Protein backbone atom coordinates (compact mmCIF):
# COMPACT_ATOMS: atom_id res chain seq x y z
CA MET A 1 13.24 84.77 86.90
CA PRO A 2 15.48 83.39 89.66
CA PHE A 3 19.21 83.16 89.15
CA SER A 4 19.90 80.33 86.74
CA PHE A 5 22.94 78.18 87.25
CA ASP A 6 22.39 76.02 84.15
CA LEU A 7 25.52 77.22 82.34
CA PRO A 8 24.15 79.79 79.89
CA ASP A 9 26.49 81.40 77.38
CA GLY A 10 29.36 83.19 79.10
CA TRP A 11 29.48 80.87 82.12
CA ARG A 12 32.18 78.36 82.83
CA LEU A 13 32.88 75.59 85.28
CA GLU A 14 35.87 75.63 87.58
CA HIS A 15 36.83 73.48 90.47
CA ILE A 16 38.37 75.10 93.51
CA GLU A 17 40.22 72.58 95.56
CA ASN A 18 41.29 73.00 99.15
CA THR A 19 44.96 72.05 99.21
CA GLY A 20 45.15 72.23 102.99
CA LYS A 21 47.08 74.84 104.97
CA GLY A 22 44.26 77.31 104.21
CA GLN A 23 45.18 77.52 100.50
CA MET A 24 42.72 77.13 97.64
CA GLU A 25 43.65 76.03 94.14
CA ARG A 26 41.58 76.35 90.96
CA ALA A 27 41.25 73.06 89.13
CA GLY A 28 38.12 72.99 86.89
CA MET A 29 34.49 72.79 88.33
CA THR A 30 33.03 75.76 90.31
CA LEU A 31 30.24 77.72 88.70
CA THR A 32 31.23 81.33 88.03
CA PRO A 33 29.08 83.72 86.00
CA GLY A 34 30.74 85.47 83.09
CA HIS A 35 28.08 88.14 83.31
CA LEU A 36 24.72 88.81 84.94
CA PRO A 37 22.23 91.58 84.34
CA GLU A 38 22.85 94.58 86.62
CA GLU A 39 19.69 93.89 88.64
CA GLN A 40 20.80 90.33 89.44
CA ARG A 41 24.34 91.46 90.31
CA LYS A 42 22.94 93.95 92.85
CA ILE A 43 20.79 91.26 94.46
CA LEU A 44 23.61 88.70 94.47
CA ARG A 45 26.02 91.18 96.06
CA ALA A 46 23.56 92.36 98.72
CA VAL A 47 22.57 88.81 99.69
CA ALA A 48 26.17 87.57 99.83
CA LEU A 49 27.32 90.58 101.86
CA ALA A 50 24.44 90.18 104.34
CA TYR A 51 25.58 86.59 104.89
CA ARG A 52 29.24 87.55 105.12
CA ARG A 53 28.61 90.39 107.58
CA VAL A 54 27.05 88.01 110.11
CA MET A 55 29.56 85.20 109.55
CA ARG A 56 32.52 87.56 109.96
CA GLY A 57 31.11 89.27 113.05
CA ALA A 58 32.71 89.02 116.48
CA GLU A 59 32.67 85.46 117.79
CA GLU A 60 31.29 84.62 121.20
CA PRO A 61 33.78 82.78 123.41
CA ALA A 62 33.07 79.08 123.94
CA ALA A 63 34.24 76.95 126.84
CA THR A 64 33.77 73.54 125.21
CA ARG A 65 33.76 72.05 121.73
CA ALA A 66 30.04 71.37 122.04
CA GLU A 67 29.38 75.00 122.89
CA GLU A 68 31.63 76.10 120.02
CA ALA A 69 29.61 73.92 117.62
CA ARG A 70 26.33 75.28 118.99
CA LEU A 71 27.52 78.88 118.56
CA ALA A 72 28.74 78.16 115.01
CA GLN A 73 25.32 76.73 114.11
CA LYS A 74 23.61 79.75 115.68
CA ARG A 75 25.79 82.10 113.63
CA GLN A 76 25.10 80.12 110.44
CA SER A 77 21.35 80.32 111.09
CA GLU A 78 21.56 84.07 111.74
CA ALA A 79 23.64 84.62 108.60
CA LEU A 80 21.16 82.69 106.45
CA ALA A 81 18.27 84.61 108.01
CA ALA A 82 19.97 87.92 107.19
CA ALA A 83 20.70 86.81 103.61
CA THR A 84 17.13 85.54 103.16
CA ALA A 85 15.68 88.81 104.45
CA GLU A 86 17.85 90.73 101.99
CA TYR A 87 16.78 88.47 99.11
CA ARG A 88 13.09 88.90 100.00
CA ARG A 89 13.55 92.67 100.26
CA LEU A 90 15.30 93.07 96.89
CA SER A 91 14.19 90.27 94.61
CA PRO A 92 11.08 90.47 92.49
CA TRP A 93 11.31 86.66 92.20
CA ALA A 94 11.05 85.98 95.94
CA THR A 95 7.97 83.86 96.50
CA GLY A 96 6.13 82.65 99.57
CA ASP A 97 7.70 79.23 99.03
CA LYS A 98 10.27 79.01 101.85
CA ARG A 99 12.12 76.08 100.25
CA ALA A 100 12.48 77.83 96.89
CA VAL A 101 13.74 81.02 98.52
CA SER A 102 16.13 79.06 100.74
CA ALA A 103 17.51 77.17 97.73
CA GLU A 104 17.99 80.41 95.80
CA VAL A 105 19.73 82.14 98.72
CA ASN A 106 22.06 79.18 99.22
CA ARG A 107 22.92 79.13 95.49
CA ILE A 108 23.68 82.85 95.59
CA ILE A 109 25.94 82.50 98.64
CA ALA A 110 27.75 79.49 97.15
CA ALA A 111 28.30 81.31 93.85
CA ALA A 112 29.68 84.37 95.64
CA ILE A 113 32.05 82.29 97.76
CA ASN A 114 33.19 80.20 94.78
CA VAL A 115 34.09 83.23 92.68
CA ASP A 116 36.84 84.17 95.16
CA PRO A 117 36.82 82.36 98.51
CA GLN A 118 39.90 84.16 99.81
CA TRP A 119 38.33 87.57 99.21
CA PHE A 120 34.91 86.49 100.49
CA TRP A 121 36.22 85.33 103.86
CA HIS A 122 39.29 87.55 104.31
CA GLY A 123 38.86 90.54 101.98
CA PRO A 124 37.91 94.08 102.94
CA ASP A 125 34.47 94.82 104.32
CA ALA A 126 32.03 96.31 101.85
């Protein structure tokens, strides 16, 4: 069964609000799991870290804003491809349906970021 984000027992909603100046504040609506089975935690972690590894890699220099935007989109595509490959490799629920897999991978990444955005983007490598 794919990861369910329908608020089962042990889950809660929080809202993480960007207060500007690079600071995040918890306010009441982001989905954070209270617990997941070990198998799902391993998949979630591997998928999120595959995405993070690419997104936090060395940036290519850009001469213009347009080139900077193009490079950011390229990096995003590469990060999603890496996360999707990891999900397909590890998950028994990965199907041939590209849209379903893409939706699942995006939910996993969002959940991982929402648990602790500061750590996800600036924490130690794992």
